[in-house]
Amino acid sequence: MLDGIVSVLHLLVSLSLISLILLHAGKGGGMSDMFGGGMSGGNVGGSTVVEKNLDRLTVILAILFTTTTFTLTWILAS
C-alpha cells in the first residue's frame, strides 16, 4: 500500500522535474545557442525573478526526488 503511494509520488515528481529542467535557459555554448537561443541580448548577466523561482522550485523537486528514491529503496528492501 505504502509503496504504491510513494511510487505514484515518485513518478509525479520525476515528470515535474524533467519539465522544469527543460524550462531552464541555456548558459552558453549548448544546444540552445545552436538553435538561436543565444541571439537575445536582453538580460545577459543577471537573472530575473522568474528564473530564480524556477531554480528554487527545481532544487526543491530534486530534494523531493532524492527523498522518494531513498524511501522506495528502504520500503522495497524490507
C-alpha atoms as a PDB file:
ATOM      1  CA  MET A   1       0.000   0.000   0.000  1.00  0.00           C
ATOM      2  CA  LEU A   2       2.662   2.497   1.072  1.00  0.00           C
ATOM      3  CA  ASP A   3       4.984   1.510  -1.767  1.00  0.00           C
ATOM      4  CA  GLY A   4       2.233   2.272  -4.289  1.00  0.00           C
ATOM      5  CA  ILE A   5       1.640   5.744  -2.878  1.00  0.00           C
ATOM      6  CA  VAL A   6       5.355   6.550  -2.844  1.00  0.00           C
ATOM      7  CA  SER A   7       5.739   5.137  -6.379  1.00  0.00           C
ATOM      8  CA  VAL A   8       2.995   7.404  -7.728  1.00  0.00           C
ATOM      9  CA  LEU A   9       4.515  10.385  -5.907  1.00  0.00           C
ATOM     10  CA  HIS A  10       7.933   9.459  -7.318  1.00  0.00           C
ATOM     11  CA  LEU A  11       6.502   9.317 -10.838  1.00  0.00           C
ATOM     12  CA  LEU A  12       4.829  12.724 -10.497  1.00  0.00           C
ATOM     13  CA  VAL A  13       7.975  14.300  -9.061  1.00  0.00           C
ATOM     14  CA  SER A  14      10.084  12.762 -11.840  1.00  0.00           C
ATOM     15  CA  LEU A  15       7.886  14.135 -14.608  1.00  0.00           C
ATOM     16  CA  SER A  16       7.707  17.544 -12.946  1.00  0.00           C
ATOM     17  CA  LEU A  17      11.484  17.649 -12.539  1.00  0.00           C
ATOM     18  CA  ILE A  18      12.021  16.789 -16.207  1.00  0.00           C
ATOM     19  CA  SER A  19       9.626  19.563 -17.220  1.00  0.00           C
ATOM     20  CA  LEU A  20      11.298  22.145 -15.008  1.00  0.00           C
ATOM     21  CA  ILE A  21      14.779  21.255 -16.211  1.00  0.00           C
ATOM     22  CA  LEU A  22      13.649  21.651 -19.811  1.00  0.00           C
ATOM     23  CA  LEU A  23      12.295  25.125 -18.993  1.00  0.00           C
ATOM     24  CA  HIS A  24      15.719  26.403 -17.923  1.00  0.00           C
ATOM     25  CA  ALA A  25      17.545  28.713 -20.301  1.00  0.00           C
ATOM     26  CA  GLY A  26      20.855  27.601 -21.795  1.00  0.00           C
ATOM     27  CA  LYS A  27      24.071  29.007 -20.327  1.00  0.00           C
ATOM     28  CA  GLY A  28      26.116  29.491 -23.494  1.00  0.00           C
ATOM     29  CA  GLY A  29      27.706  27.045 -25.867  1.00  0.00           C
ATOM     30  CA  GLY A  30      24.983  24.456 -25.528  1.00  0.00           C
ATOM     31  CA  MET A  31      22.205  23.171 -27.700  1.00  0.00           C
ATOM     32  CA  SER A  32      20.025  26.245 -27.097  1.00  0.00           C
ATOM     33  CA  ASP A  33      22.687  28.522 -28.619  1.00  0.00           C
ATOM     34  CA  MET A  34      22.935  26.285 -31.650  1.00  0.00           C
ATOM     35  CA  PHE A  35      19.286  26.947 -32.464  1.00  0.00           C
ATOM     36  CA  GLY A  36      19.359  30.696 -31.841  1.00  0.00           C
ATOM     37  CA  GLY A  37      18.905  30.772 -28.076  1.00  0.00           C
ATOM     38  CA  GLY A  38      21.995  32.922 -27.617  1.00  0.00           C
ATOM     39  CA  MET A  39      20.779  35.622 -30.001  1.00  0.00           C
ATOM     40  CA  SER A  40      18.768  37.541 -27.436  1.00  0.00           C
ATOM     41  CA  GLY A  41      20.681  40.425 -25.967  1.00  0.00           C
ATOM     42  CA  GLY A  42      18.316  41.292 -23.132  1.00  0.00           C
ATOM     43  CA  ASN A  43      19.280  40.298 -19.619  1.00  0.00           C
ATOM     44  CA  VAL A  44      22.695  38.745 -20.200  1.00  0.00           C
ATOM     45  CA  GLY A  45      24.420  38.991 -16.823  1.00  0.00           C
ATOM     46  CA  GLY A  46      21.613  38.810 -14.302  1.00  0.00           C
ATOM     47  CA  SER A  47      18.637  36.628 -13.727  1.00  0.00           C
ATOM     48  CA  THR A  48      15.017  37.583 -13.363  1.00  0.00           C
ATOM     49  CA  VAL A  49      12.686  36.775 -10.503  1.00  0.00           C
ATOM     50  CA  VAL A  50      11.043  34.079 -12.615  1.00  0.00           C
ATOM     51  CA  GLU A  51      14.406  32.368 -13.219  1.00  0.00           C
ATOM     52  CA  LYS A  52      15.257  32.488  -9.513  1.00  0.00           C
ATOM     53  CA  ASN A  53      11.901  30.973  -8.603  1.00  0.00           C
ATOM     54  CA  LEU A  54      12.367  28.314 -11.286  1.00  0.00           C
ATOM     55  CA  ASP A  55      15.759  27.481  -9.777  1.00  0.00           C
ATOM     56  CA  ARG A  56      14.279  27.235  -6.283  1.00  0.00           C
ATOM     57  CA  LEU A  57      11.438  25.009  -7.423  1.00  0.00           C
ATOM     58  CA  THR A  58      13.854  22.775  -9.319  1.00  0.00           C
ATOM     59  CA  VAL A  59      16.041  22.351  -6.225  1.00  0.00           C
ATOM     60  CA  ILE A  60      13.009  21.563  -4.063  1.00  0.00           C
ATOM     61  CA  LEU A  61      11.811  18.930  -6.536  1.00  0.00           C
ATOM     62  CA  ALA A  62      15.320  17.457  -6.786  1.00  0.00           C
ATOM     63  CA  ILE A  63      15.421  17.061  -2.994  1.00  0.00           C
ATOM     64  CA  LEU A  64      11.939  15.503  -3.053  1.00  0.00           C
ATOM     65  CA  PHE A  65      13.055  13.156  -5.858  1.00  0.00           C
ATOM     66  CA  THR A  66      16.047  12.051  -3.788  1.00  0.00           C
ATOM     67  CA  THR A  67      13.839  11.535  -0.745  1.00  0.00           C
ATOM     68  CA  THR A  68      11.305   9.420  -2.615  1.00  0.00           C
ATOM     69  CA  THR A  69      14.114   7.385  -4.204  1.00  0.00           C
ATOM     70  CA  PHE A  70      15.611   6.533  -0.816  1.00  0.00           C
ATOM     71  CA  THR A  71      12.153   5.890   0.641  1.00  0.00           C
ATOM     72  CA  LEU A  72      11.295   3.449  -2.137  1.00  0.00           C
ATOM     73  CA  THR A  73      14.634   1.694  -1.683  1.00  0.00           C
ATOM     74  CA  TRP A  74      14.040   1.399   2.053  1.00  0.00           C
ATOM     75  CA  ILE A  75      10.439   0.148   1.635  1.00  0.00           C
ATOM     76  CA  LEU A  76      11.263  -2.411  -1.039  1.00  0.00           C
ATOM     77  CA  ALA A  77      14.350  -3.709   0.799  1.00  0.00           C
ATOM     78  CA  SER A  78      12.383  -4.638   3.912  1.00  0.00           C
END
